[in-house]
Amino acid sequence: MNPRIVAMVGAAVGAGFGVVGLIVPGFFATLFGIQIDETTTALIRLACASYVGLAVLDWMARDVTDAAAWRAIAVGSAIGWALSAVVIATALMSGLGSPMAWLMVAVQVTMALAWLSVVAQSSGRRVAGLPEGSAGR
């Protein structure tokens, strides 16, 4: 998968989750059937701040040409998305939230898999979608 496209999609999805959760955390809670209080609001905003941070990283990385740099960006992003999916899936399996929240898990798993494809590509000397002559280690 082209790392530049994964970075741009990751930036859009991360910003989408993050900004909505920072501005109107009750939206996600209501959408996914979760009761919300001040503590929950703070935790939603904390998680969404991380999504915004990943979105900015992804957006800034979209023009990186070095395979080693892509590997570092992709590993960090894949781990972030995968752990988020595990946390939410665990909460859902314990009875928290509505079945609709599994859509969020599906998006997170999809993003983790997309980044893992970039990790796999960046393990070689040449990363698909990068200009010829890009450095790799």
C-alpha atoms as a PDB file:
ATOM      1  CA  MET A   1       0.000   0.000   0.000  1.00  0.00           C
ATOM      2  CA  ASN A   2       1.303   3.472  -0.847  1.00  0.00           C
ATOM      3  CA  PRO A   3       2.591   5.008   2.414  1.00  0.00           C
ATOM      4  CA  ARG A   4       1.633   8.531   1.336  1.00  0.00           C
ATOM      5  CA  ILE A   5      -2.010   7.477   0.863  1.00  0.00           C
ATOM      6  CA  VAL A   6      -2.038   5.610   4.197  1.00  0.00           C
ATOM      7  CA  ALA A   7      -0.629   8.725   5.890  1.00  0.00           C
ATOM      8  CA  MET A   8      -3.262  10.996   4.357  1.00  0.00           C
ATOM      9  CA  VAL A   9      -6.117   8.613   5.210  1.00  0.00           C
ATOM     10  CA  GLY A  10      -4.680   8.194   8.714  1.00  0.00           C
ATOM     11  CA  ALA A  11      -4.534  11.962   9.097  1.00  0.00           C
ATOM     12  CA  ALA A  12      -8.157  12.339   8.016  1.00  0.00           C
ATOM     13  CA  VAL A  13      -9.480   9.514  10.215  1.00  0.00           C
ATOM     14  CA  GLY A  14      -7.401  10.547  13.230  1.00  0.00           C
ATOM     15  CA  ALA A  15      -8.418  14.178  12.880  1.00  0.00           C
ATOM     16  CA  GLY A  16     -12.051  13.155  12.434  1.00  0.00           C
ATOM     17  CA  PHE A  17     -12.105  11.051  15.607  1.00  0.00           C
ATOM     18  CA  GLY A  18      -9.934  13.483  17.515  1.00  0.00           C
ATOM     19  CA  VAL A  19     -11.586  16.787  16.736  1.00  0.00           C
ATOM     20  CA  VAL A  20     -15.117  15.488  17.273  1.00  0.00           C
ATOM     21  CA  GLY A  21     -14.106  13.896  20.565  1.00  0.00           C
ATOM     22  CA  LEU A  22     -12.322  17.008  21.763  1.00  0.00           C
ATOM     23  CA  ILE A  23     -15.134  19.396  20.889  1.00  0.00           C
ATOM     24  CA  VAL A  24     -18.231  17.275  21.575  1.00  0.00           C
ATOM     25  CA  PRO A  25     -17.194  14.172  23.543  1.00  0.00           C
ATOM     26  CA  GLY A  26     -20.827  13.436  24.335  1.00  0.00           C
ATOM     27  CA  PHE A  27     -21.454  12.763  20.628  1.00  0.00           C
ATOM     28  CA  PHE A  28     -19.419   9.552  20.656  1.00  0.00           C
ATOM     29  CA  ALA A  29     -20.848   8.541  24.006  1.00  0.00           C
ATOM     30  CA  THR A  30     -24.420   8.959  22.802  1.00  0.00           C
ATOM     31  CA  LEU A  31     -23.706   7.347  19.439  1.00  0.00           C
ATOM     32  CA  PHE A  32     -22.180   4.302  21.090  1.00  0.00           C
ATOM     33  CA  GLY A  33     -24.611   4.058  24.017  1.00  0.00           C
ATOM     34  CA  ILE A  34     -22.192   4.990  26.788  1.00  0.00           C
ATOM     35  CA  GLN A  35     -23.190   6.887  29.923  1.00  0.00           C
ATOM     36  CA  ILE A  36     -21.007   9.958  30.325  1.00  0.00           C
ATOM     37  CA  ASP A  37     -19.920  11.961  33.360  1.00  0.00           C
ATOM     38  CA  GLU A  38     -17.098  14.452  33.982  1.00  0.00           C
ATOM     39  CA  THR A  39     -14.472  11.707  34.322  1.00  0.00           C
ATOM     40  CA  THR A  40     -15.588   9.998  31.122  1.00  0.00           C
ATOM     41  CA  THR A  41     -15.583  13.346  29.317  1.00  0.00           C
ATOM     42  CA  ALA A  42     -11.982  13.962  30.394  1.00  0.00           C
ATOM     43  CA  LEU A  43     -10.890  10.460  29.316  1.00  0.00           C
ATOM     44  CA  ILE A  44     -12.580  10.792  25.923  1.00  0.00           C
ATOM     45  CA  ARG A  45     -10.797  14.115  25.392  1.00  0.00           C
ATOM     46  CA  LEU A  46      -7.481  12.575  26.460  1.00  0.00           C
ATOM     47  CA  ALA A  47      -7.836   9.727  23.955  1.00  0.00           C
ATOM     48  CA  CYS A  48      -8.958  12.114  21.224  1.00  0.00           C
ATOM     49  CA  ALA A  49      -5.965  14.382  21.849  1.00  0.00           C
ATOM     50  CA  SER A  50      -3.801  11.370  20.944  1.00  0.00           C
ATOM     51  CA  TYR A  51      -5.785  10.861  17.743  1.00  0.00           C
ATOM     52  CA  VAL A  52      -5.169  14.504  16.803  1.00  0.00           C
ATOM     53  CA  GLY A  53      -1.457  14.021  17.525  1.00  0.00           C
ATOM     54  CA  LEU A  54      -1.327  10.952  15.273  1.00  0.00           C
ATOM     55  CA  ALA A  55      -3.230  12.859  12.596  1.00  0.00           C
ATOM     56  CA  VAL A  56      -0.673  15.667  12.647  1.00  0.00           C
ATOM     57  CA  LEU A  57       2.200  13.148  12.543  1.00  0.00           C
ATOM     58  CA  ASP A  58       0.592  11.369   9.599  1.00  0.00           C
ATOM     59  CA  TRP A  59      -0.056  14.615   7.732  1.00  0.00           C
ATOM     60  CA  MET A  60       3.494  15.862   8.272  1.00  0.00           C
ATOM     61  CA  ALA A  61       4.911  12.468   7.201  1.00  0.00           C
ATOM     62  CA  ARG A  62       3.070  12.263   3.889  1.00  0.00           C
ATOM     63  CA  ASP A  63       6.098  13.507   1.926  1.00  0.00           C
ATOM     64  CA  VAL A  64       8.793  11.522   3.760  1.00  0.00           C
ATOM     65  CA  THR A  65      11.053   9.704   1.293  1.00  0.00           C
ATOM     66  CA  ASP A  66      13.251   7.644   3.622  1.00  0.00           C
ATOM     67  CA  ALA A  67      12.257   3.995   4.139  1.00  0.00           C
ATOM     68  CA  ALA A  68      13.678   3.906   7.686  1.00  0.00           C
ATOM     69  CA  ALA A  69      11.603   6.954   8.614  1.00  0.00           C
ATOM     70  CA  TRP A  70       8.495   5.342   7.120  1.00  0.00           C
ATOM     71  CA  ARG A  71       9.180   2.215   9.149  1.00  0.00           C
ATOM     72  CA  ALA A  72       9.324   4.224  12.390  1.00  0.00           C
ATOM     73  CA  ILE A  73       6.171   6.201  11.535  1.00  0.00           C
ATOM     74  CA  ALA A  74       4.314   3.083  10.445  1.00  0.00           C
ATOM     75  CA  VAL A  75       5.252   0.985  13.494  1.00  0.00           C
ATOM     76  CA  GLY A  76       4.165   3.742  15.884  1.00  0.00           C
ATOM     77  CA  SER A  77       0.924   4.342  14.010  1.00  0.00           C
ATOM     78  CA  ALA A  78       0.098   0.632  13.705  1.00  0.00           C
ATOM     79  CA  ILE A  79       0.641   0.112  17.427  1.00  0.00           C
ATOM     80  CA  GLY A  80      -1.478   3.147  18.312  1.00  0.00           C
ATOM     81  CA  TRP A  81      -4.409   2.050  16.145  1.00  0.00           C
ATOM     82  CA  ALA A  82      -4.141  -1.602  17.213  1.00  0.00           C
ATOM     83  CA  LEU A  83      -4.041  -0.822  20.933  1.00  0.00           C
ATOM     84  CA  SER A  84      -7.019   1.515  20.564  1.00  0.00           C
ATOM     85  CA  ALA A  85      -8.947  -1.296  18.883  1.00  0.00           C
ATOM     86  CA  VAL A  86      -8.042  -3.725  21.677  1.00  0.00           C
ATOM     87  CA  VAL A  87      -9.087  -1.275  24.405  1.00  0.00           C
ATOM     88  CA  ILE A  88     -12.442  -0.532  22.802  1.00  0.00           C
ATOM     89  CA  ALA A  89     -13.102  -4.178  21.868  1.00  0.00           C
ATOM     90  CA  THR A  90     -12.354  -5.205  25.462  1.00  0.00           C
ATOM     91  CA  ALA A  91     -14.778  -2.597  26.775  1.00  0.00           C
ATOM     92  CA  LEU A  92     -17.459  -3.730  24.330  1.00  0.00           C
ATOM     93  CA  MET A  93     -17.007  -7.393  25.246  1.00  0.00           C
ATOM     94  CA  SER A  94     -17.467  -6.464  28.910  1.00  0.00           C
ATOM     95  CA  GLY A  95     -20.864  -4.968  28.088  1.00  0.00           C
ATOM     96  CA  LEU A  96     -19.952  -1.294  27.811  1.00  0.00           C
ATOM     97  CA  GLY A  97     -21.551   0.482  24.865  1.00  0.00           C
ATOM     98  CA  SER A  98     -23.763  -0.576  22.008  1.00  0.00           C
ATOM     99  CA  PRO A  99     -23.000  -2.923  19.101  1.00  0.00           C
ATOM    100  CA  MET A 100     -22.634   0.158  16.867  1.00  0.00           C
ATOM    101  CA  ALA A 101     -19.298   0.859  18.575  1.00  0.00           C
ATOM    102  CA  TRP A 102     -17.859  -2.171  16.738  1.00  0.00           C
ATOM    103  CA  LEU A 103     -17.737   0.121  13.683  1.00  0.00           C
ATOM    104  CA  MET A 104     -15.112   2.162  15.482  1.00  0.00           C
ATOM    105  CA  VAL A 105     -13.133  -1.009  16.217  1.00  0.00           C
ATOM    106  CA  ALA A 106     -13.364  -1.966  12.524  1.00  0.00           C
ATOM    107  CA  VAL A 107     -11.952   1.426  11.491  1.00  0.00           C
ATOM    108  CA  GLN A 108      -9.117   1.083  14.001  1.00  0.00           C
ATOM    109  CA  VAL A 109      -8.254  -2.444  12.857  1.00  0.00           C
ATOM    110  CA  THR A 110      -8.332  -1.298   9.218  1.00  0.00           C
ATOM    111  CA  MET A 111      -5.931   1.560   9.991  1.00  0.00           C
ATOM    112  CA  ALA A 112      -3.617  -0.773  11.946  1.00  0.00           C
ATOM    113  CA  LEU A 113      -3.533  -3.230   9.027  1.00  0.00           C
ATOM    114  CA  ALA A 114      -2.861  -0.433   6.531  1.00  0.00           C
ATOM    115  CA  TRP A 115       0.082   0.757   8.613  1.00  0.00           C
ATOM    116  CA  LEU A 116       1.344  -2.812   8.994  1.00  0.00           C
ATOM    117  CA  SER A 117       1.443  -3.051   5.202  1.00  0.00           C
ATOM    118  CA  VAL A 118       3.694   0.024   5.191  1.00  0.00           C
ATOM    119  CA  VAL A 119       5.892  -1.620   7.856  1.00  0.00           C
ATOM    120  CA  ALA A 120       6.229  -4.705   5.666  1.00  0.00           C
ATOM    121  CA  GLN A 121       7.143  -2.612   2.624  1.00  0.00           C
ATOM    122  CA  SER A 122       9.632  -0.455   4.516  1.00  0.00           C
ATOM    123  CA  SER A 123      11.550  -3.531   5.668  1.00  0.00           C
ATOM    124  CA  GLY A 124      13.055  -3.796   2.175  1.00  0.00           C
ATOM    125  CA  ARG A 125      15.374  -1.421   0.371  1.00  0.00           C
ATOM    126  CA  ARG A 126      12.577   0.211  -1.644  1.00  0.00           C
ATOM    127  CA  VAL A 127       9.152   1.356  -0.460  1.00  0.00           C
ATOM    128  CA  ALA A 128       6.351   1.281  -3.038  1.00  0.00           C
ATOM    129  CA  GLY A 129       5.091   4.758  -3.777  1.00  0.00           C
ATOM    130  CA  LEU A 130       8.321   6.514  -2.803  1.00  0.00           C
ATOM    131  CA  PRO A 131      10.533   8.253  -5.343  1.00  0.00           C
ATOM    132  CA  GLU A 132      13.387   6.227  -6.834  1.00  0.00           C
ATOM    133  CA  GLY A 133      16.579   6.576  -4.828  1.00  0.00           C
ATOM    134  CA  SER A 134      14.812   6.758  -1.443  1.00  0.00           C
ATOM    135  CA  ALA A 135      17.099   5.610   1.315  1.00  0.00           C
ATOM    136  CA  GLY A 136      16.410   2.395   3.196  1.00  0.00           C
ATOM    137  CA  ARG A 137      18.252   0.382   5.788  1.00  0.00           C
END
